[in-house]
Amino acid sequence: MDNGTEANPLHETIATALSELGKPGLPCRRISFLLHNGYGVGRRFLFDGMQAVWLLTDNVIRSTTRMVGC
């Protein structure tokens, strides 16, 4: 990267998953922190027509085209 920082492995994993779903290069429109009872439980990444959710407890990324409550 040209700014001297390392690439974020989480973002790379999401980009790879989106490419495998046939949606390469979608720009991330918003990142939200997910809280439950005041504790961070994950992050939600919103793209055009898709979302990816990273759950800390499971250390998994789930993606969907169904946008609920956005």
PDB file of N, CA and C in Angstrom:
ATOM      1  N   MET A   1       0.844  -1.178   0.000  1.00  0.00           N
ATOM      2  CA  MET A   1       0.000   0.000   0.000  1.00  0.00           C
ATOM      3  C   MET A   1       0.890   1.242   0.000  1.00  0.00           C
ATOM      4  N   ASP A   2       0.426   2.292  -0.612  1.00  0.00           N
ATOM      5  CA  ASP A   2       1.279   3.452  -0.769  1.00  0.00           C
ATOM      6  C   ASP A   2       1.339   4.363   0.447  1.00  0.00           C
ATOM      7  N   ASN A   3       0.495   4.157   1.461  1.00  0.00           N
ATOM      8  CA  ASN A   3       0.557   5.022   2.635  1.00  0.00           C
ATOM      9  C   ASN A   3       1.432   4.436   3.737  1.00  0.00           C
ATOM     10  N   GLY A   4       2.100   3.326   3.467  1.00  0.00           N
ATOM     11  CA  GLY A   4       3.043   2.767   4.417  1.00  0.00           C
ATOM     12  C   GLY A   4       2.404   1.910   5.498  1.00  0.00           C
ATOM     13  N   THR A   5       1.110   1.637   5.427  1.00  0.00           N
ATOM     14  CA  THR A   5       0.464   0.796   6.423  1.00  0.00           C
ATOM     15  C   THR A   5       0.181  -0.576   5.826  1.00  0.00           C
ATOM     16  N   GLU A   6       0.064  -1.551   6.696  1.00  0.00           N
ATOM     17  CA  GLU A   6      -0.243  -2.901   6.236  1.00  0.00           C
ATOM     18  C   GLU A   6      -1.728  -3.009   5.901  1.00  0.00           C
ATOM     19  N   ALA A   7      -2.037  -3.898   4.991  1.00  0.00           N
ATOM     20  CA  ALA A   7      -3.436  -4.136   4.636  1.00  0.00           C
ATOM     21  C   ALA A   7      -4.150  -4.789   5.816  1.00  0.00           C
ATOM     22  N   ASN A   8      -5.423  -4.482   5.984  1.00  0.00           N
ATOM     23  CA  ASN A   8      -6.223  -5.042   7.059  1.00  0.00           C
ATOM     24  C   ASN A   8      -6.674  -6.444   6.655  1.00  0.00           C
ATOM     25  N   PRO A   9      -6.280  -7.482   7.406  1.00  0.00           N
ATOM     26  CA  PRO A   9      -6.646  -8.854   7.032  1.00  0.00           C
ATOM     27  C   PRO A   9      -8.167  -9.077   7.003  1.00  0.00           C
ATOM     28  N   LEU A  10      -8.909  -8.405   7.876  1.00  0.00           N
ATOM     29  CA  LEU A  10     -10.363  -8.555   7.888  1.00  0.00           C
ATOM     30  C   LEU A  10     -10.963  -8.013   6.597  1.00  0.00           C
ATOM     31  N   HIS A  11     -10.500  -6.845   6.170  1.00  0.00           N
ATOM     32  CA  HIS A  11     -10.994  -6.270   4.923  1.00  0.00           C
ATOM     33  C   HIS A  11     -10.619  -7.134   3.724  1.00  0.00           C
ATOM     34  N   GLU A  12      -9.428  -7.702   3.746  1.00  0.00           N
ATOM     35  CA  GLU A  12      -9.004  -8.595   2.660  1.00  0.00           C
ATOM     36  C   GLU A  12      -9.879  -9.848   2.613  1.00  0.00           C
ATOM     37  N   THR A  13     -10.213 -10.387   3.781  1.00  0.00           N
ATOM     38  CA  THR A  13     -11.065 -11.580   3.844  1.00  0.00           C
ATOM     39  C   THR A  13     -12.453 -11.271   3.291  1.00  0.00           C
ATOM     40  N   ILE A  14     -13.000 -10.119   3.644  1.00  0.00           N
ATOM     41  CA  ILE A  14     -14.319  -9.717   3.143  1.00  0.00           C
ATOM     42  C   ILE A  14     -14.266  -9.511   1.632  1.00  0.00           C
ATOM     43  N   ALA A  15     -13.223  -8.853   1.139  1.00  0.00           N
ATOM     44  CA  ALA A  15     -13.089  -8.621  -0.301  1.00  0.00           C
ATOM     45  C   ALA A  15     -13.002  -9.946  -1.055  1.00  0.00           C
ATOM     46  N   THR A  16     -12.271 -10.917  -0.507  1.00  0.00           N
ATOM     47  CA  THR A  16     -12.163 -12.232  -1.131  1.00  0.00           C
ATOM     48  C   THR A  16     -13.514 -12.933  -1.159  1.00  0.00           C
ATOM     49  N   ALA A  17     -14.243 -12.866  -0.045  1.00  0.00           N
ATOM     50  CA  ALA A  17     -15.565 -13.501   0.025  1.00  0.00           C
ATOM     51  C   ALA A  17     -16.530 -12.867  -0.973  1.00  0.00           C
ATOM     52  N   LEU A  18     -16.507 -11.546  -1.090  1.00  0.00           N
ATOM     53  CA  LEU A  18     -17.385 -10.875  -2.051  1.00  0.00           C
ATOM     54  C   LEU A  18     -17.021 -11.249  -3.485  1.00  0.00           C
ATOM     55  N   SER A  19     -15.733 -11.380  -3.763  1.00  0.00           N
ATOM     56  CA  SER A  19     -15.303 -11.809  -5.100  1.00  0.00           C
ATOM     57  C   SER A  19     -15.810 -13.211  -5.415  1.00  0.00           C
ATOM     58  N   GLU A  20     -15.756 -14.093  -4.418  1.00  0.00           N
ATOM     59  CA  GLU A  20     -16.238 -15.462  -4.612  1.00  0.00           C
ATOM     60  C   GLU A  20     -17.748 -15.495  -4.850  1.00  0.00           C
ATOM     61  N   LEU A  21     -18.466 -14.490  -4.331  1.00  0.00           N
ATOM     62  CA  LEU A  21     -19.910 -14.389  -4.545  1.00  0.00           C
ATOM     63  C   LEU A  21     -20.247 -13.671  -5.846  1.00  0.00           C
ATOM     64  N   GLY A  22     -19.208 -13.308  -6.614  1.00  0.00           N
ATOM     65  CA  GLY A  22     -19.427 -12.624  -7.885  1.00  0.00           C
ATOM     66  C   GLY A  22     -19.620 -11.130  -7.767  1.00  0.00           C
ATOM     67  N   LYS A  23     -19.173 -10.555  -6.647  1.00  0.00           N
ATOM     68  CA  LYS A  23     -19.313  -9.113  -6.410  1.00  0.00           C
ATOM     69  C   LYS A  23     -17.958  -8.473  -6.103  1.00  0.00           C
ATOM     70  N   PRO A  24     -16.992  -8.586  -7.012  1.00  0.00           N
ATOM     71  CA  PRO A  24     -15.666  -8.025  -6.719  1.00  0.00           C
ATOM     72  C   PRO A  24     -15.676  -6.502  -6.769  1.00  0.00           C
ATOM     73  N   GLY A  25     -14.868  -5.899  -5.955  1.00  0.00           N
ATOM     74  CA  GLY A  25     -14.650  -4.456  -6.015  1.00  0.00           C
ATOM     75  C   GLY A  25     -15.772  -3.576  -5.501  1.00  0.00           C
ATOM     76  N   LEU A  26     -16.716  -4.136  -4.729  1.00  0.00           N
ATOM     77  CA  LEU A  26     -17.770  -3.283  -4.180  1.00  0.00           C
ATOM     78  C   LEU A  26     -17.178  -2.344  -3.140  1.00  0.00           C
ATOM     79  N   PRO A  27     -17.484  -1.043  -3.215  1.00  0.00           N
ATOM     80  CA  PRO A  27     -16.972  -0.133  -2.196  1.00  0.00           C
ATOM     81  C   PRO A  27     -17.758  -0.281  -0.895  1.00  0.00           C
ATOM     82  N   CYS A  28     -17.063  -0.245   0.215  1.00  0.00           N
ATOM     83  CA  CYS A  28     -17.709  -0.311   1.525  1.00  0.00           C
ATOM     84  C   CYS A  28     -18.287   1.071   1.827  1.00  0.00           C
ATOM     85  N   ARG A  29     -19.600   1.131   2.037  1.00  0.00           N
ATOM     86  CA  ARG A  29     -20.289   2.402   2.271  1.00  0.00           C
ATOM     87  C   ARG A  29     -20.332   2.805   3.733  1.00  0.00           C
ATOM     88  N   ARG A  30     -20.347   1.804   4.625  1.00  0.00           N
ATOM     89  CA  ARG A  30     -20.438   2.120   6.053  1.00  0.00           C
ATOM     90  C   ARG A  30     -19.946   0.930   6.864  1.00  0.00           C
ATOM     91  N   ILE A  31     -19.268   1.231   7.972  1.00  0.00           N
ATOM     92  CA  ILE A  31     -18.857   0.208   8.926  1.00  0.00           C
ATOM     93  C   ILE A  31     -19.480   0.574  10.264  1.00  0.00           C
ATOM     94  N   SER A  32     -20.159  -0.396  10.875  1.00  0.00           N
ATOM     95  CA  SER A  32     -20.803  -0.185  12.166  1.00  0.00           C
ATOM     96  C   SER A  32     -20.249  -1.180  13.174  1.00  0.00           C
ATOM     97  N   PHE A  33     -20.113  -0.735  14.415  1.00  0.00           N
ATOM     98  CA  PHE A  33     -19.733  -1.632  15.494  1.00  0.00           C
ATOM     99  C   PHE A  33     -21.005  -2.200  16.094  1.00  0.00           C
ATOM    100  N   LEU A  34     -21.033  -3.491  16.297  1.00  0.00           N
ATOM    101  CA  LEU A  34     -22.200  -4.147  16.867  1.00  0.00           C
ATOM    102  C   LEU A  34     -22.003  -4.319  18.363  1.00  0.00           C
ATOM    103  N   LEU A  35     -22.982  -3.853  19.127  1.00  0.00           N
ATOM    104  CA  LEU A  35     -22.920  -3.914  20.583  1.00  0.00           C
ATOM    105  C   LEU A  35     -24.060  -4.759  21.122  1.00  0.00           C
ATOM    106  N   HIS A  36     -23.789  -5.461  22.220  1.00  0.00           N
ATOM    107  CA  HIS A  36     -24.813  -6.205  22.937  1.00  0.00           C
ATOM    108  C   HIS A  36     -24.535  -6.028  24.426  1.00  0.00           C
ATOM    109  N   ASN A  37     -25.497  -5.460  25.141  1.00  0.00           N
ATOM    110  CA  ASN A  37     -25.331  -5.176  26.578  1.00  0.00           C
ATOM    111  C   ASN A  37     -24.073  -4.353  26.860  1.00  0.00           C
ATOM    112  N   GLY A  38     -23.754  -3.444  25.951  1.00  0.00           N
ATOM    113  CA  GLY A  38     -22.611  -2.558  26.138  1.00  0.00           C
ATOM    114  C   GLY A  38     -21.267  -3.136  25.736  1.00  0.00           C
ATOM    115  N   TYR A  39     -21.243  -4.344  25.236  1.00  0.00           N
ATOM    116  CA  TYR A  39     -19.997  -4.983  24.832  1.00  0.00           C
ATOM    117  C   TYR A  39     -19.940  -5.123  23.309  1.00  0.00           C
ATOM    118  N   GLY A  40     -18.762  -4.928  22.750  1.00  0.00           N
ATOM    119  CA  GLY A  40     -18.581  -5.104  21.316  1.00  0.00           C
ATOM    120  C   GLY A  40     -18.659  -6.576  20.953  1.00  0.00           C
ATOM    121  N   VAL A  41     -19.523  -6.888  19.981  1.00  0.00           N
ATOM    122  CA  VAL A  41     -19.675  -8.290  19.571  1.00  0.00           C
ATOM    123  C   VAL A  41     -19.326  -8.509  18.102  1.00  0.00           C
ATOM    124  N   GLY A  42     -19.060  -7.420  17.370  1.00  0.00           N
ATOM    125  CA  GLY A  42     -18.714  -7.587  15.968  1.00  0.00           C
ATOM    126  C   GLY A  42     -18.760  -6.283  15.209  1.00  0.00           C
ATOM    127  N   ARG A  43     -18.674  -6.406  13.899  1.00  0.00           N
ATOM    128  CA  ARG A  43     -18.733  -5.245  13.003  1.00  0.00           C
ATOM    129  C   ARG A  43     -19.586  -5.593  11.802  1.00  0.00           C
ATOM    130  N   ARG A  44     -20.298  -4.603  11.279  1.00  0.00           N
ATOM    131  CA  ARG A  44     -21.113  -4.785  10.081  1.00  0.00           C
ATOM    132  C   ARG A  44     -20.575  -3.867   8.999  1.00  0.00           C
ATOM    133  N   PHE A  45     -20.352  -4.430   7.827  1.00  0.00           N
ATOM    134  CA  PHE A  45     -19.834  -3.709   6.680  1.00  0.00           C
ATOM    135  C   PHE A  45     -20.931  -3.646   5.635  1.00  0.00           C
ATOM    136  N   LEU A  46     -21.352  -2.441   5.242  1.00  0.00           N
ATOM    137  CA  LEU A  46     -22.412  -2.276   4.252  1.00  0.00           C
ATOM    138  C   LEU A  46     -21.818  -1.931   2.898  1.00  0.00           C
ATOM    139  N   PHE A  47     -22.296  -2.637   1.887  1.00  0.00           N
ATOM    140  CA  PHE A  47     -21.892  -2.424   0.503  1.00  0.00           C
ATOM    141  C   PHE A  47     -23.150  -2.147  -0.300  1.00  0.00           C
ATOM    142  N   ASP A  48     -23.021  -1.839  -1.564  1.00  0.00           N
ATOM    143  CA  ASP A  48     -24.188  -1.647  -2.423  1.00  0.00           C
ATOM    144  C   ASP A  48     -24.904  -2.982  -2.592  1.00  0.00           C
ATOM    145  N   GLY A  49     -26.048  -3.138  -1.926  1.00  0.00           N
ATOM    146  CA  GLY A  49     -26.852  -4.338  -2.067  1.00  0.00           C
ATOM    147  C   GLY A  49     -26.405  -5.536  -1.262  1.00  0.00           C
ATOM    148  N   MET A  50     -25.367  -5.403  -0.462  1.00  0.00           N
ATOM    149  CA  MET A  50     -24.871  -6.522   0.341  1.00  0.00           C
ATOM    150  C   MET A  50     -24.394  -6.010   1.684  1.00  0.00           C
ATOM    151  N   GLN A  51     -24.309  -6.926   2.625  1.00  0.00           N
ATOM    152  CA  GLN A  51     -23.676  -6.620   3.897  1.00  0.00           C
ATOM    153  C   GLN A  51     -22.857  -7.815   4.339  1.00  0.00           C
ATOM    154  N   ALA A  52     -21.822  -7.542   5.104  1.00  0.00           N
ATOM    155  CA  ALA A  52     -21.009  -8.591   5.703  1.00  0.00           C
ATOM    156  C   ALA A  52     -20.957  -8.303   7.194  1.00  0.00           C
ATOM    157  N   VAL A  53     -21.114  -9.338   8.003  1.00  0.00           N
ATOM    158  CA  VAL A  53     -21.086  -9.194   9.457  1.00  0.00           C
ATOM    159  C   VAL A  53     -19.987 -10.082  10.005  1.00  0.00           C
ATOM    160  N   TRP A  54     -19.096  -9.476  10.787  1.00  0.00           N
ATOM    161  CA  TRP A  54     -18.031 -10.220  11.447  1.00  0.00           C
ATOM    162  C   TRP A  54     -18.412 -10.354  12.909  1.00  0.00           C
ATOM    163  N   LEU A  55     -18.520 -11.596  13.375  1.00  0.00           N
ATOM    164  CA  LEU A  55     -18.888 -11.865  14.758  1.00  0.00           C
ATOM    165  C   LEU A  55     -17.640 -12.239  15.546  1.00  0.00           C
ATOM    166  N   LEU A  56     -17.332 -11.450  16.561  1.00  0.00           N
ATOM    167  CA  LEU A  56     -16.138 -11.688  17.360  1.00  0.00           C
ATOM    168  C   LEU A  56     -16.157 -13.049  18.049  1.00  0.00           C
ATOM    169  N   THR A  57     -17.312 -13.422  18.611  1.00  0.00           N
ATOM    170  CA  THR A  57     -17.377 -14.660  19.389  1.00  0.00           C
ATOM    171  C   THR A  57     -17.119 -15.896  18.537  1.00  0.00           C
ATOM    172  N   ASP A  58     -17.568 -15.855  17.290  1.00  0.00           N
ATOM    173  CA  ASP A  58     -17.384 -17.001  16.396  1.00  0.00           C
ATOM    174  C   ASP A  58     -16.175 -16.833  15.478  1.00  0.00           C
ATOM    175  N   ASN A  59     -15.643 -15.610  15.389  1.00  0.00           N
ATOM    176  CA  ASN A  59     -14.563 -15.249  14.479  1.00  0.00           C
ATOM    177  C   ASN A  59     -14.884 -15.692  13.053  1.00  0.00           C
ATOM    178  N   VAL A  60     -16.119 -15.394  12.632  1.00  0.00           N
ATOM    179  CA  VAL A  60     -16.567 -15.717  11.281  1.00  0.00           C
ATOM    180  C   VAL A  60     -17.145 -14.478  10.624  1.00  0.00           C
ATOM    181  N   ILE A  61     -17.169 -14.516   9.305  1.00  0.00           N
ATOM    182  CA  ILE A  61     -17.793 -13.451   8.529  1.00  0.00           C
ATOM    183  C   ILE A  61     -18.972 -14.060   7.798  1.00  0.00           C
ATOM    184  N   ARG A  62     -20.115 -13.428   7.919  1.00  0.00           N
ATOM    185  CA  ARG A  62     -21.310 -13.881   7.217  1.00  0.00           C
ATOM    186  C   ARG A  62     -21.735 -12.765   6.288  1.00  0.00           C
ATOM    187  N   SER A  63     -22.174 -13.132   5.096  1.00  0.00           N
ATOM    188  CA  SER A  63     -22.617 -12.115   4.136  1.00  0.00           C
ATOM    189  C   SER A  63     -24.015 -12.443   3.674  1.00  0.00           C
ATOM    190  N   THR A  64     -24.719 -11.407   3.254  1.00  0.00           N
ATOM    191  CA  THR A  64     -26.072 -11.584   2.781  1.00  0.00           C
ATOM    192  C   THR A  64     -26.439 -10.442   1.830  1.00  0.00           C
ATOM    193  N   THR A  65     -27.376 -10.716   0.961  1.00  0.00           N
ATOM    194  CA  THR A  65     -27.900  -9.652   0.110  1.00  0.00           C
ATOM    195  C   THR A  65     -29.191  -9.091   0.710  1.00  0.00           C
ATOM    196  N   ARG A  66     -29.700  -9.733   1.732  1.00  0.00           N
ATOM    197  CA  ARG A  66     -30.917  -9.284   2.389  1.00  0.00           C
ATOM    198  C   ARG A  66     -30.569  -8.168   3.369  1.00  0.00           C
ATOM    199  N   MET A  67     -31.062  -6.983   3.110  1.00  0.00           N
ATOM    200  CA  MET A  67     -30.752  -5.826   3.939  1.00  0.00           C
ATOM    201  C   MET A  67     -31.939  -5.568   4.855  1.00  0.00           C
ATOM    202  N   VAL A  68     -31.771  -5.874   6.128  1.00  0.00           N
ATOM    203  CA  VAL A  68     -32.855  -5.717   7.100  1.00  0.00           C
ATOM    204  C   VAL A  68     -32.533  -4.550   8.019  1.00  0.00           C
ATOM    205  N   GLY A  69     -33.454  -3.627   8.125  1.00  0.00           N
ATOM    206  CA  GLY A  69     -33.307  -2.525   9.068  1.00  0.00           C
ATOM    207  C   GLY A  69     -32.242  -1.517   8.714  1.00  0.00           C
ATOM    208  N   CYS A  70     -31.929  -1.375   7.447  1.00  0.00           N
ATOM    209  CA  CYS A  70     -30.892  -0.421   7.044  1.00  0.00           C
ATOM    210  C   CYS A  70     -31.502   0.927   6.742  1.00  0.00           C
TER     211      CYS A  70
END
